[in-house]
């Protein structure tokens, strides 16, 4: 796309239509080329810091190994009792999900 913009007589609208992208996207690429000299993607921003450190995450994974039938609420409460750190159920879920541990319970067979 950057090469198409350097062609003589090329307009941003024509390049956008040619590559099926928005005019705003082409404008952002042109601006990035002028500012940085490259159209490469900008580095990620990183996001907010984690609520649990590596030791607490490891403890949580080990706790699931010791109590495989524990619910997210039970795991959160055990984590608070062990470390004194209160976190949301979502934090517990994300840590377990990153490790490939699923907490969905199967329905009881009758």
PDB file of N, CA and C in Angstrom:
ATOM      1  N   UNK A   1       0.832  -1.179   0.000  1.00  0.00           N
ATOM      2  CA  UNK A   1       0.000   0.000   0.000  1.00  0.00           C
ATOM      3  C   UNK A   1       0.882   1.250   0.000  1.00  0.00           C
ATOM      4  N   UNK A   2       1.974   1.216   0.757  1.00  0.00           N
ATOM      5  CA  UNK A   2       2.874   2.370   0.797  1.00  0.00           C
ATOM      6  C   UNK A   2       3.494   2.601  -0.572  1.00  0.00           C
ATOM      7  N   UNK A   3       3.766   1.521  -1.264  1.00  0.00           N
ATOM      8  CA  UNK A   3       4.345   1.635  -2.593  1.00  0.00           C
ATOM      9  C   UNK A   3       3.338   2.253  -3.562  1.00  0.00           C
ATOM     10  N   UNK A   4       2.070   1.907  -3.421  1.00  0.00           N
ATOM     11  CA  UNK A   4       1.036   2.463  -4.292  1.00  0.00           C
ATOM     12  C   UNK A   4       0.892   3.960  -4.072  1.00  0.00           C
ATOM     13  N   UNK A   5       1.109   4.419  -2.854  1.00  0.00           N
ATOM     14  CA  UNK A   5       1.003   5.853  -2.564  1.00  0.00           C
ATOM     15  C   UNK A   5       2.155   6.650  -3.169  1.00  0.00           C
ATOM     16  N   UNK A   6       3.286   5.997  -3.388  1.00  0.00           N
ATOM     17  CA  UNK A   6       4.437   6.717  -3.938  1.00  0.00           C
ATOM     18  C   UNK A   6       4.385   6.826  -5.458  1.00  0.00           C
ATOM     19  N   UNK A   7       3.464   6.116  -6.084  1.00  0.00           N
ATOM     20  CA  UNK A   7       3.335   6.195  -7.543  1.00  0.00           C
ATOM     21  C   UNK A   7       2.905   7.603  -7.933  1.00  0.00           C
ATOM     22  N   UNK A   8       3.405   8.107  -9.057  1.00  0.00           N
ATOM     23  CA  UNK A   8       3.028   9.467  -9.472  1.00  0.00           C
ATOM     24  C   UNK A   8       1.530   9.553  -9.786  1.00  0.00           C
ATOM     25  N   UNK A   9       0.901  10.602  -9.282  1.00  0.00           N
ATOM     26  CA  UNK A   9      -0.518  10.833  -9.523  1.00  0.00           C
ATOM     27  C   UNK A   9      -1.448  10.019  -8.637  1.00  0.00           C
ATOM     28  N   UNK A  10      -0.900   9.242  -7.704  1.00  0.00           N
ATOM     29  CA  UNK A  10      -1.738   8.428  -6.825  1.00  0.00           C
ATOM     30  C   UNK A  10      -2.394   9.306  -5.772  1.00  0.00           C
ATOM     31  N   UNK A  11      -3.664   9.095  -5.573  1.00  0.00           N
ATOM     32  CA  UNK A  11      -4.408   9.823  -4.548  1.00  0.00           C
ATOM     33  C   UNK A  11      -4.807   8.840  -3.443  1.00  0.00           C
ATOM     34  N   UNK A  12      -4.972   9.399  -2.253  1.00  0.00           N
ATOM     35  CA  UNK A  12      -5.309   8.550  -1.117  1.00  0.00           C
ATOM     36  C   UNK A  12      -6.629   7.822  -1.341  1.00  0.00           C
ATOM     37  N   UNK A  13      -7.611   8.492  -1.922  1.00  0.00           N
ATOM     38  CA  UNK A  13      -8.914   7.868  -2.156  1.00  0.00           C
ATOM     39  C   UNK A  13      -8.792   6.700  -3.133  1.00  0.00           C
ATOM     40  N   UNK A  14      -7.952   6.845  -4.145  1.00  0.00           N
ATOM     41  CA  UNK A  14      -7.768   5.766  -5.111  1.00  0.00           C
ATOM     42  C   UNK A  14      -7.085   4.561  -4.460  1.00  0.00           C
ATOM     43  N   UNK A  15      -6.093   4.833  -3.644  1.00  0.00           N
ATOM     44  CA  UNK A  15      -5.382   3.745  -2.961  1.00  0.00           C
ATOM     45  C   UNK A  15      -6.317   3.039  -1.982  1.00  0.00           C
ATOM     46  N   UNK A  16      -7.141   3.795  -1.278  1.00  0.00           N
ATOM     47  CA  UNK A  16      -8.096   3.200  -0.339  1.00  0.00           C
ATOM     48  C   UNK A  16      -9.070   2.289  -1.076  1.00  0.00           C
ATOM     49  N   UNK A  17      -9.580   2.737  -2.208  1.00  0.00           N
ATOM     50  CA  UNK A  17     -10.515   1.920  -2.987  1.00  0.00           C
ATOM     51  C   UNK A  17      -9.816   0.680  -3.546  1.00  0.00           C
ATOM     52  N   UNK A  18      -8.584   0.833  -3.970  1.00  0.00           N
ATOM     53  CA  UNK A  18      -7.830  -0.279  -4.559  1.00  0.00           C
ATOM     54  C   UNK A  18      -7.598  -1.402  -3.557  1.00  0.00           C
ATOM     55  N   UNK A  19      -7.305  -1.040  -2.306  1.00  0.00           N
ATOM     56  CA  UNK A  19      -7.015  -2.043  -1.286  1.00  0.00           C
ATOM     57  C   UNK A  19      -8.200  -2.319  -0.359  1.00  0.00           C
ATOM     58  N   UNK A  20      -9.360  -1.740  -0.665  1.00  0.00           N
ATOM     59  CA  UNK A  20     -10.589  -1.952   0.120  1.00  0.00           C
ATOM     60  C   UNK A  20     -10.391  -1.598   1.599  1.00  0.00           C
ATOM     61  N   UNK A  21      -9.784  -0.459   1.842  1.00  0.00           N
ATOM     62  CA  UNK A  21      -9.622   0.053   3.201  1.00  0.00           C
ATOM     63  C   UNK A  21     -10.205   1.459   3.250  1.00  0.00           C
ATOM     64  N   UNK A  22     -10.366   1.979   4.443  1.00  0.00           N
ATOM     65  CA  UNK A  22     -10.952   3.312   4.579  1.00  0.00           C
ATOM     66  C   UNK A  22      -9.929   4.393   4.237  1.00  0.00           C
ATOM     67  N   UNK A  23     -10.452   5.539   3.881  1.00  0.00           N
ATOM     68  CA  UNK A  23      -9.605   6.691   3.578  1.00  0.00           C
ATOM     69  C   UNK A  23      -8.838   7.125   4.827  1.00  0.00           C
ATOM     70  N   UNK A  24      -9.481   7.004   5.994  1.00  0.00           N
ATOM     71  CA  UNK A  24      -8.823   7.370   7.255  1.00  0.00           C
ATOM     72  C   UNK A  24      -7.599   6.483   7.512  1.00  0.00           C
ATOM     73  N   UNK A  25      -7.702   5.200   7.186  1.00  0.00           N
ATOM     74  CA  UNK A  25      -6.572   4.290   7.386  1.00  0.00           C
ATOM     75  C   UNK A  25      -5.396   4.689   6.501  1.00  0.00           C
ATOM     76  N   UNK A  26      -5.683   5.013   5.258  1.00  0.00           N
ATOM     77  CA  UNK A  26      -4.617   5.439   4.347  1.00  0.00           C
ATOM     78  C   UNK A  26      -3.987   6.729   4.865  1.00  0.00           C
ATOM     79  N   UNK A  27      -4.820   7.648   5.356  1.00  0.00           N
ATOM     80  CA  UNK A  27      -4.300   8.898   5.917  1.00  0.00           C
ATOM     81  C   UNK A  27      -3.402   8.653   7.111  1.00  0.00           C
ATOM     82  N   UNK A  28      -3.769   7.697   7.957  1.00  0.00           N
ATOM     83  CA  UNK A  28      -2.938   7.366   9.118  1.00  0.00           C
ATOM     84  C   UNK A  28      -1.599   6.774   8.686  1.00  0.00           C
ATOM     85  N   UNK A  29      -1.626   5.949   7.639  1.00  0.00           N
ATOM     86  CA  UNK A  29      -0.368   5.392   7.143  1.00  0.00           C
ATOM     87  C   UNK A  29       0.541   6.477   6.586  1.00  0.00           C
ATOM     88  N   UNK A  30      -0.039   7.423   5.858  1.00  0.00           N
ATOM     89  CA  UNK A  30       0.751   8.524   5.302  1.00  0.00           C
ATOM     90  C   UNK A  30       1.362   9.344   6.437  1.00  0.00           C
ATOM     91  N   UNK A  31       0.565   9.631   7.466  1.00  0.00           N
ATOM     92  CA  UNK A  31       1.055  10.402   8.606  1.00  0.00           C
ATOM     93  C   UNK A  31       2.167   9.647   9.332  1.00  0.00           C
ATOM     94  N   UNK A  32       1.990   8.328   9.518  1.00  0.00           N
ATOM     95  CA  UNK A  32       3.013   7.522  10.191  1.00  0.00           C
ATOM     96  C   UNK A  32       4.303   7.490   9.369  1.00  0.00           C
ATOM     97  N   UNK A  33       4.173   7.431   8.040  1.00  0.00           N
ATOM     98  CA  UNK A  33       5.347   7.446   7.158  1.00  0.00           C
ATOM     99  C   UNK A  33       6.109   8.754   7.308  1.00  0.00           C
ATOM    100  N   UNK A  34       5.383   9.856   7.387  1.00  0.00           N
ATOM    101  CA  UNK A  34       6.038  11.166   7.529  1.00  0.00           C
ATOM    102  C   UNK A  34       6.722  11.310   8.886  1.00  0.00           C
ATOM    103  N   UNK A  35       6.059  10.835   9.943  1.00  0.00           N
ATOM    104  CA  UNK A  35       6.576  11.034  11.299  1.00  0.00           C
ATOM    105  C   UNK A  35       7.715  10.084  11.653  1.00  0.00           C
ATOM    106  N   UNK A  36       7.588   8.817  11.269  1.00  0.00           N
ATOM    107  CA  UNK A  36       8.574   7.823  11.696  1.00  0.00           C
ATOM    108  C   UNK A  36       9.465   7.322  10.572  1.00  0.00           C
ATOM    109  N   UNK A  37       9.073   7.580   9.333  1.00  0.00           N
ATOM    110  CA  UNK A  37       9.845   7.074   8.203  1.00  0.00           C
ATOM    111  C   UNK A  37       9.498   5.653   7.826  1.00  0.00           C
ATOM    112  N   UNK A  38       8.493   5.080   8.483  1.00  0.00           N
ATOM    113  CA  UNK A  38       8.093   3.703   8.221  1.00  0.00           C
ATOM    114  C   UNK A  38       6.583   3.584   8.393  1.00  0.00           C
ATOM    115  N   UNK A  39       5.989   2.601   7.728  1.00  0.00           N
ATOM    116  CA  UNK A  39       4.559   2.346   7.915  1.00  0.00           C
ATOM    117  C   UNK A  39       4.342   1.113   8.790  1.00  0.00           C
ATOM    118  N   UNK A  40       5.403   0.630   9.412  1.00  0.00           N
ATOM    119  CA  UNK A  40       5.300  -0.534  10.288  1.00  0.00           C
ATOM    120  C   UNK A  40       4.392  -0.211  11.471  1.00  0.00           C
ATOM    121  N   UNK A  41       3.753  -1.243  11.992  1.00  0.00           N
ATOM    122  CA  UNK A  41       2.851  -1.067  13.125  1.00  0.00           C
ATOM    123  C   UNK A  41       3.611  -0.529  14.333  1.00  0.00           C
ATOM    124  N   UNK A  42       2.944   0.300  15.110  1.00  0.00           N
ATOM    125  CA  UNK A  42       3.543   0.848  16.322  1.00  0.00           C
ATOM    126  C   UNK A  42       3.601  -0.234  17.396  1.00  0.00           C
ATOM    127  N   UNK A  43       4.537  -0.151  18.325  1.00  0.00           N
ATOM    128  CA  UNK A  43       4.607  -1.161  19.382  1.00  0.00           C
ATOM    129  C   UNK A  43       3.383  -1.093  20.285  1.00  0.00           C
ATOM    130  N   UNK A  44       3.045  -2.230  20.876  1.00  0.00           N
ATOM    131  CA  UNK A  44       1.909  -2.294  21.784  1.00  0.00           C
ATOM    132  C   UNK A  44       2.127  -1.437  23.017  1.00  0.00           C
ATOM    133  N   UNK A  45       1.043  -1.056  23.638  1.00  0.00           N
ATOM    134  CA  UNK A  45       1.122  -0.159  24.796  1.00  0.00           C
ATOM    135  C   UNK A  45       1.284  -0.906  26.108  1.00  0.00           C
ATOM    136  N   UNK A  46       1.049  -2.208  26.114  1.00  0.00           N
ATOM    137  CA  UNK A  46       1.299  -2.992  27.309  1.00  0.00           C
ATOM    138  C   UNK A  46       0.089  -3.231  28.190  1.00  0.00           C
ATOM    139  N   UNK A  47      -0.789  -2.285  28.308  1.00  0.00           N
ATOM    140  CA  UNK A  47      -1.968  -2.460  29.142  1.00  0.00           C
ATOM    141  C   UNK A  47      -1.677  -2.243  30.615  1.00  0.00           C
ATOM    142  N   UNK A  48      -2.686  -2.429  31.449  1.00  0.00           N
ATOM    143  CA  UNK A  48      -2.507  -2.203  32.886  1.00  0.00           C
ATOM    144  C   UNK A  48      -1.674  -3.321  33.522  1.00  0.00           C
ATOM    145  N   UNK A  49      -1.039  -3.043  34.655  1.00  0.00           N
ATOM    146  CA  UNK A  49      -0.245  -4.077  35.324  1.00  0.00           C
ATOM    147  C   UNK A  49      -1.143  -5.182  35.880  1.00  0.00           C
ATOM    148  N   UNK A  50      -0.585  -6.355  36.042  1.00  0.00           N
ATOM    149  CA  UNK A  50      -1.348  -7.498  36.555  1.00  0.00           C
ATOM    150  C   UNK A  50      -1.679  -7.310  38.034  1.00  0.00           C
ATOM    151  N   UNK A  51      -2.829  -7.849  38.412  1.00  0.00           N
ATOM    152  CA  UNK A  51      -3.247  -7.784  39.816  1.00  0.00           C
ATOM    153  C   UNK A  51      -2.493  -8.805  40.664  1.00  0.00           C
ATOM    154  N   UNK A  52      -2.164  -9.944  40.069  1.00  0.00           N
ATOM    155  CA  UNK A  52      -1.484 -11.004  40.809  1.00  0.00           C
ATOM    156  C   UNK A  52      -0.065 -11.180  40.285  1.00  0.00           C
ATOM    157  N   UNK A  53       0.887 -11.321  41.202  1.00  0.00           N
ATOM    158  CA  UNK A  53       2.259 -11.571  40.779  1.00  0.00           C
ATOM    159  C   UNK A  53       2.413 -13.048  40.397  1.00  0.00           C
ATOM    160  N   UNK A  54       3.580 -13.418  39.921  1.00  0.00           N
ATOM    161  CA  UNK A  54       3.808 -14.778  39.431  1.00  0.00           C
ATOM    162  C   UNK A  54       3.639 -15.816  40.540  1.00  0.00           C
ATOM    163  N   UNK A  55       4.040 -15.476  41.756  1.00  0.00           N
ATOM    164  CA  UNK A  55       3.917 -16.425  42.866  1.00  0.00           C
ATOM    165  C   UNK A  55       2.451 -16.700  43.188  1.00  0.00           C
ATOM    166  N   UNK A  56       1.626 -15.661  43.200  1.00  0.00           N
ATOM    167  CA  UNK A  56       0.200 -15.847  43.479  1.00  0.00           C
ATOM    168  C   UNK A  56      -0.472 -16.628  42.357  1.00  0.00           C
ATOM    169  N   UNK A  57      -0.059 -16.376  41.123  1.00  0.00           N
ATOM    170  CA  UNK A  57      -0.623 -17.134  40.002  1.00  0.00           C
ATOM    171  C   UNK A  57      -0.245 -18.606  40.106  1.00  0.00           C
ATOM    172  N   UNK A  58       1.012 -18.884  40.459  1.00  0.00           N
ATOM    173  CA  UNK A  58       1.458 -20.269  40.614  1.00  0.00           C
ATOM    174  C   UNK A  58       0.707 -20.952  41.751  1.00  0.00           C
ATOM    175  N   UNK A  59       0.478 -20.227  42.844  1.00  0.00           N
ATOM    176  CA  UNK A  59      -0.272 -20.797  43.959  1.00  0.00           C
ATOM    177  C   UNK A  59      -1.688 -21.143  43.519  1.00  0.00           C
ATOM    178  N   UNK A  60      -2.303 -20.269  42.738  1.00  0.00           N
ATOM    179  CA  UNK A  60      -3.670 -20.491  42.269  1.00  0.00           C
ATOM    180  C   UNK A  60      -3.748 -21.739  41.390  1.00  0.00           C
ATOM    181  N   UNK A  61      -2.786 -21.901  40.489  1.00  0.00           N
ATOM    182  CA  UNK A  61      -2.762 -23.085  39.621  1.00  0.00           C
ATOM    183  C   UNK A  61      -2.550 -24.344  40.462  1.00  0.00           C
ATOM    184  N   UNK A  62      -1.664 -24.272  41.449  1.00  0.00           N
ATOM    185  CA  UNK A  62      -1.433 -25.421  42.328  1.00  0.00           C
ATOM    186  C   UNK A  62      -2.679 -25.746  43.141  1.00  0.00           C
ATOM    187  N   UNK A  63      -3.405 -24.732  43.553  1.00  0.00           N
ATOM    188  CA  UNK A  63      -4.634 -24.934  44.323  1.00  0.00           C
ATOM    189  C   UNK A  63      -5.671 -25.680  43.488  1.00  0.00           C
ATOM    190  N   UNK A  64      -5.743 -25.377  42.210  1.00  0.00           N
ATOM    191  CA  UNK A  64      -6.669 -26.100  41.331  1.00  0.00           C
ATOM    192  C   UNK A  64      -6.247 -27.562  41.240  1.00  0.00           C
ATOM    193  N   UNK A  65      -4.942 -27.830  41.248  1.00  0.00           N
ATOM    194  CA  UNK A  65      -4.471 -29.214  41.253  1.00  0.00           C
ATOM    195  C   UNK A  65      -4.853 -29.947  42.527  1.00  0.00           C
ATOM    196  N   UNK A  66      -4.841 -29.225  43.656  1.00  0.00           N
ATOM    197  CA  UNK A  66      -5.213 -29.836  44.934  1.00  0.00           C
ATOM    198  C   UNK A  66      -6.722 -29.984  45.075  1.00  0.00           C
ATOM    199  N   UNK A  67      -7.476 -29.013  44.565  1.00  0.00           N
ATOM    200  CA  UNK A  67      -8.943 -29.027  44.655  1.00  0.00           C
ATOM    201  C   UNK A  67      -9.535 -28.796  43.263  1.00  0.00           C
ATOM    202  N   UNK A  68      -9.570 -29.830  42.428  1.00  0.00           N
ATOM    203  CA  UNK A  68     -10.023 -29.629  41.053  1.00  0.00           C
ATOM    204  C   UNK A  68     -11.498 -29.253  40.925  1.00  0.00           C
ATOM    205  N   UNK A  69     -12.298 -29.517  41.947  1.00  0.00           N
ATOM    206  CA  UNK A  69     -13.725 -29.200  41.866  1.00  0.00           C
ATOM    207  C   UNK A  69     -14.077 -27.855  42.490  1.00  0.00           C
ATOM    208  N   UNK A  70     -13.093 -27.084  42.899  1.00  0.00           N
ATOM    209  CA  UNK A  70     -13.360 -25.786  43.530  1.00  0.00           C
ATOM    210  C   UNK A  70     -13.931 -24.805  42.508  1.00  0.00           C
ATOM    211  N   UNK A  71     -14.878 -24.003  42.956  1.00  0.00           N
ATOM    212  CA  UNK A  71     -15.455 -22.978  42.083  1.00  0.00           C
ATOM    213  C   UNK A  71     -14.551 -21.753  42.078  1.00  0.00           C
ATOM    214  N   UNK A  72     -14.837 -20.831  41.183  1.00  0.00           N
ATOM    215  CA  UNK A  72     -14.052 -19.599  41.119  1.00  0.00           C
ATOM    216  C   UNK A  72     -14.151 -18.808  42.418  1.00  0.00           C
ATOM    217  N   UNK A  73     -15.337 -18.781  43.008  1.00  0.00           N
ATOM    218  CA  UNK A  73     -15.530 -18.057  44.271  1.00  0.00           C
ATOM    219  C   UNK A  73     -14.692 -18.704  45.373  1.00  0.00           C
ATOM    220  N   UNK A  74     -14.702 -20.033  45.432  1.00  0.00           N
ATOM    221  CA  UNK A  74     -13.910 -20.729  46.446  1.00  0.00           C
ATOM    222  C   UNK A  74     -12.414 -20.489  46.235  1.00  0.00           C
ATOM    223  N   UNK A  75     -11.979 -20.488  44.986  1.00  0.00           N
ATOM    224  CA  UNK A  75     -10.568 -20.226  44.701  1.00  0.00           C
ATOM    225  C   UNK A  75     -10.185 -18.803  45.080  1.00  0.00           C
ATOM    226  N   UNK A  76     -11.073 -17.857  44.783  1.00  0.00           N
ATOM    227  CA  UNK A  76     -10.800 -16.458  45.139  1.00  0.00           C
ATOM    228  C   UNK A  76     -10.695 -16.305  46.649  1.00  0.00           C
ATOM    229  N   UNK A  77     -11.619 -16.932  47.382  1.00  0.00           N
ATOM    230  CA  UNK A  77     -11.599 -16.829  48.839  1.00  0.00           C
ATOM    231  C   UNK A  77     -10.360 -17.504  49.432  1.00  0.00           C
ATOM    232  N   UNK A  78      -9.951 -18.639  48.865  1.00  0.00           N
ATOM    233  CA  UNK A  78      -8.744 -19.322  49.340  1.00  0.00           C
ATOM    234  C   UNK A  78      -7.506 -18.473  49.063  1.00  0.00           C
ATOM    235  N   UNK A  79      -7.489 -17.810  47.918  1.00  0.00           N
ATOM    236  CA  UNK A  79      -6.367 -16.928  47.584  1.00  0.00           C
ATOM    237  C   UNK A  79      -6.282 -15.769  48.568  1.00  0.00           C
ATOM    238  N   UNK A  80      -7.431 -15.220  48.928  1.00  0.00           N
ATOM    239  CA  UNK A  80      -7.435 -14.117  49.889  1.00  0.00           C
ATOM    240  C   UNK A  80      -6.963 -14.597  51.259  1.00  0.00           C
ATOM    241  N   UNK A  81      -7.403 -15.794  51.666  1.00  0.00           N
ATOM    242  CA  UNK A  81      -6.975 -16.324  52.960  1.00  0.00           C
ATOM    243  C   UNK A  81      -5.469 -16.608  52.971  1.00  0.00           C
ATOM    244  N   UNK A  82      -4.932 -17.048  51.845  1.00  0.00           N
ATOM    245  CA  UNK A  82      -3.508 -17.397  51.763  1.00  0.00           C
ATOM    246  C   UNK A  82      -2.613 -16.167  51.648  1.00  0.00           C
ATOM    247  N   UNK A  83      -2.981 -15.231  50.765  1.00  0.00           N
ATOM    248  CA  UNK A  83      -2.096 -14.098  50.473  1.00  0.00           C
ATOM    249  C   UNK A  83      -2.576 -12.778  51.060  1.00  0.00           C
ATOM    250  N   UNK A  84      -3.843 -12.720  51.457  1.00  0.00           N
ATOM    251  CA  UNK A  84      -4.394 -11.469  51.962  1.00  0.00           C
ATOM    252  C   UNK A  84      -4.780 -10.496  50.865  1.00  0.00           C
ATOM    253  N   UNK A  85      -4.683 -10.932  49.636  1.00  0.00           N
ATOM    254  CA  UNK A  85      -4.992 -10.066  48.494  1.00  0.00           C
ATOM    255  C   UNK A  85      -6.374 -10.417  47.951  1.00  0.00           C
ATOM    256  N   UNK A  86      -7.241  -9.412  47.881  1.00  0.00           N
ATOM    257  CA  UNK A  86      -8.598  -9.626  47.367  1.00  0.00           C
ATOM    258  C   UNK A  86      -8.629  -9.247  45.894  1.00  0.00           C
ATOM    259  N   UNK A  87      -9.087 -10.173  45.065  1.00  0.00           N
ATOM    260  CA  UNK A  87      -9.202  -9.932  43.630  1.00  0.00           C
ATOM    261  C   UNK A  87     -10.602 -10.332  43.185  1.00  0.00           C
ATOM    262  N   UNK A  88     -10.946  -9.938  41.983  1.00  0.00           N
ATOM    263  CA  UNK A  88     -12.259 -10.287  41.446  1.00  0.00           C
ATOM    264  C   UNK A  88     -12.243 -11.711  40.897  1.00  0.00           C
ATOM    265  N   UNK A  89     -13.432 -12.227  40.660  1.00  0.00           N
ATOM    266  CA  UNK A  89     -13.557 -13.555  40.061  1.00  0.00           C
ATOM    267  C   UNK A  89     -12.977 -13.538  38.646  1.00  0.00           C
ATOM    268  N   UNK A  90     -13.114 -12.399  37.966  1.00  0.00           N
ATOM    269  CA  UNK A  90     -12.567 -12.278  36.616  1.00  0.00           C
ATOM    270  C   UNK A  90     -11.060 -12.451  36.578  1.00  0.00           C
ATOM    271  N   UNK A  91     -10.363 -11.942  37.580  1.00  0.00           N
ATOM    272  CA  UNK A  91      -8.904 -12.103  37.652  1.00  0.00           C
ATOM    273  C   UNK A  91      -8.558 -13.578  37.813  1.00  0.00           C
ATOM    274  N   UNK A  92      -9.290 -14.267  38.684  1.00  0.00           N
ATOM    275  CA  UNK A  92      -9.059 -15.701  38.884  1.00  0.00           C
ATOM    276  C   UNK A  92      -9.307 -16.444  37.575  1.00  0.00           C
ATOM    277  N   UNK A  93     -10.398 -16.108  36.901  1.00  0.00           N
ATOM    278  CA  UNK A  93     -10.734 -16.761  35.636  1.00  0.00           C
ATOM    279  C   UNK A  93      -9.632 -16.542  34.596  1.00  0.00           C
ATOM    280  N   UNK A  94      -9.133 -15.314  34.469  1.00  0.00           N
ATOM    281  CA  UNK A  94      -8.111 -15.021  33.460  1.00  0.00           C
ATOM    282  C   UNK A  94      -6.821 -15.796  33.721  1.00  0.00           C
ATOM    283  N   UNK A  95      -6.422 -15.890  34.978  1.00  0.00           N
ATOM    284  CA  UNK A  95      -5.202 -16.636  35.313  1.00  0.00           C
ATOM    285  C   UNK A  95      -5.369 -18.104  34.927  1.00  0.00           C
ATOM    286  N   UNK A  96      -6.499 -18.693  35.280  1.00  0.00           N
ATOM    287  CA  UNK A  96      -6.725 -20.104  34.973  1.00  0.00           C
ATOM    288  C   UNK A  96      -6.874 -20.321  33.472  1.00  0.00           C
ATOM    289  N   UNK A  97      -7.525 -19.392  32.794  1.00  0.00           N
ATOM    290  CA  UNK A  97      -7.719 -19.506  31.350  1.00  0.00           C
ATOM    291  C   UNK A  97      -6.380 -19.441  30.621  1.00  0.00           C
ATOM    292  N   UNK A  98      -5.474 -18.586  31.074  1.00  0.00           N
ATOM    293  CA  UNK A  98      -4.144 -18.491  30.459  1.00  0.00           C
ATOM    294  C   UNK A  98      -3.361 -19.790  30.615  1.00  0.00           C
ATOM    295  N   UNK A  99      -3.641 -20.534  31.681  1.00  0.00           N
ATOM    296  CA  UNK A  99      -2.960 -21.806  31.926  1.00  0.00           C
ATOM    297  C   UNK A  99      -3.686 -22.984  31.280  1.00  0.00           C
ATOM    298  N   UNK A 100      -4.803 -22.711  30.607  1.00  0.00           N
ATOM    299  CA  UNK A 100      -5.562 -23.775  29.950  1.00  0.00           C
ATOM    300  C   UNK A 100      -6.460 -24.550  30.896  1.00  0.00           C
ATOM    301  N   UNK A 101      -6.714 -24.009  32.073  1.00  0.00           N
ATOM    302  CA  UNK A 101      -7.583 -24.666  33.052  1.00  0.00           C
ATOM    303  C   UNK A 101      -8.981 -24.076  32.950  1.00  0.00           C
ATOM    304  N   UNK A 102      -9.967 -24.910  32.670  1.00  0.00           N
ATOM    305  CA  UNK A 102     -11.337 -24.437  32.525  1.00  0.00           C
ATOM    306  C   UNK A 102     -12.118 -24.737  33.798  1.00  0.00           C
ATOM    307  N   UNK A 103     -12.967 -23.847  34.183  1.00  0.00           N
ATOM    308  CA  UNK A 103     -13.723 -24.004  35.419  1.00  0.00           C
ATOM    309  C   UNK A 103     -15.189 -24.302  35.169  1.00  0.00           C
ATOM    310  N   UNK A 104     -15.575 -24.555  33.936  1.00  0.00           N
ATOM    311  CA  UNK A 104     -16.978 -24.828  33.647  1.00  0.00           C
ATOM    312  C   UNK A 104     -17.331 -26.208  34.187  1.00  0.00           C
ATOM    313  N   UNK A 105     -18.390 -26.253  34.953  1.00  0.00           N
ATOM    314  CA  UNK A 105     -18.806 -27.508  35.555  1.00  0.00           C
ATOM    315  C   UNK A 105     -19.721 -28.261  34.599  1.00  0.00           C
ATOM    316  N   UNK A 106     -19.603 -29.569  34.594  1.00  0.00           N
ATOM    317  CA  UNK A 106     -20.499 -30.396  33.797  1.00  0.00           C
ATOM    318  C   UNK A 106     -21.765 -30.639  34.611  1.00  0.00           C
ATOM    319  N   UNK A 107     -22.934 -30.679  33.953  1.00  0.00           N
ATOM    320  CA  UNK A 107     -24.165 -30.942  34.704  1.00  0.00           C
ATOM    321  C   UNK A 107     -24.165 -32.368  35.255  1.00  0.00           C
ATOM    322  N   UNK A 108     -24.793 -32.533  36.401  1.00  0.00           N
ATOM    323  CA  UNK A 108     -24.869 -33.848  37.024  1.00  0.00           C
ATOM    324  C   UNK A 108     -25.792 -34.750  36.215  1.00  0.00           C
ATOM    325  N   UNK A 109     -25.390 -35.991  36.051  1.00  0.00           N
ATOM    326  CA  UNK A 109     -26.223 -36.963  35.320  1.00  0.00           C
ATOM    327  C   UNK A 109     -27.214 -37.579  36.295  1.00  0.00           C
ATOM    328  N   UNK A 110     -28.462 -37.675  35.873  1.00  0.00           N
ATOM    329  CA  UNK A 110     -29.499 -38.265  36.736  1.00  0.00           C
ATOM    330  C   UNK A 110     -29.942 -39.583  36.189  1.00  0.00           C
TER     331      UNK A 110
END
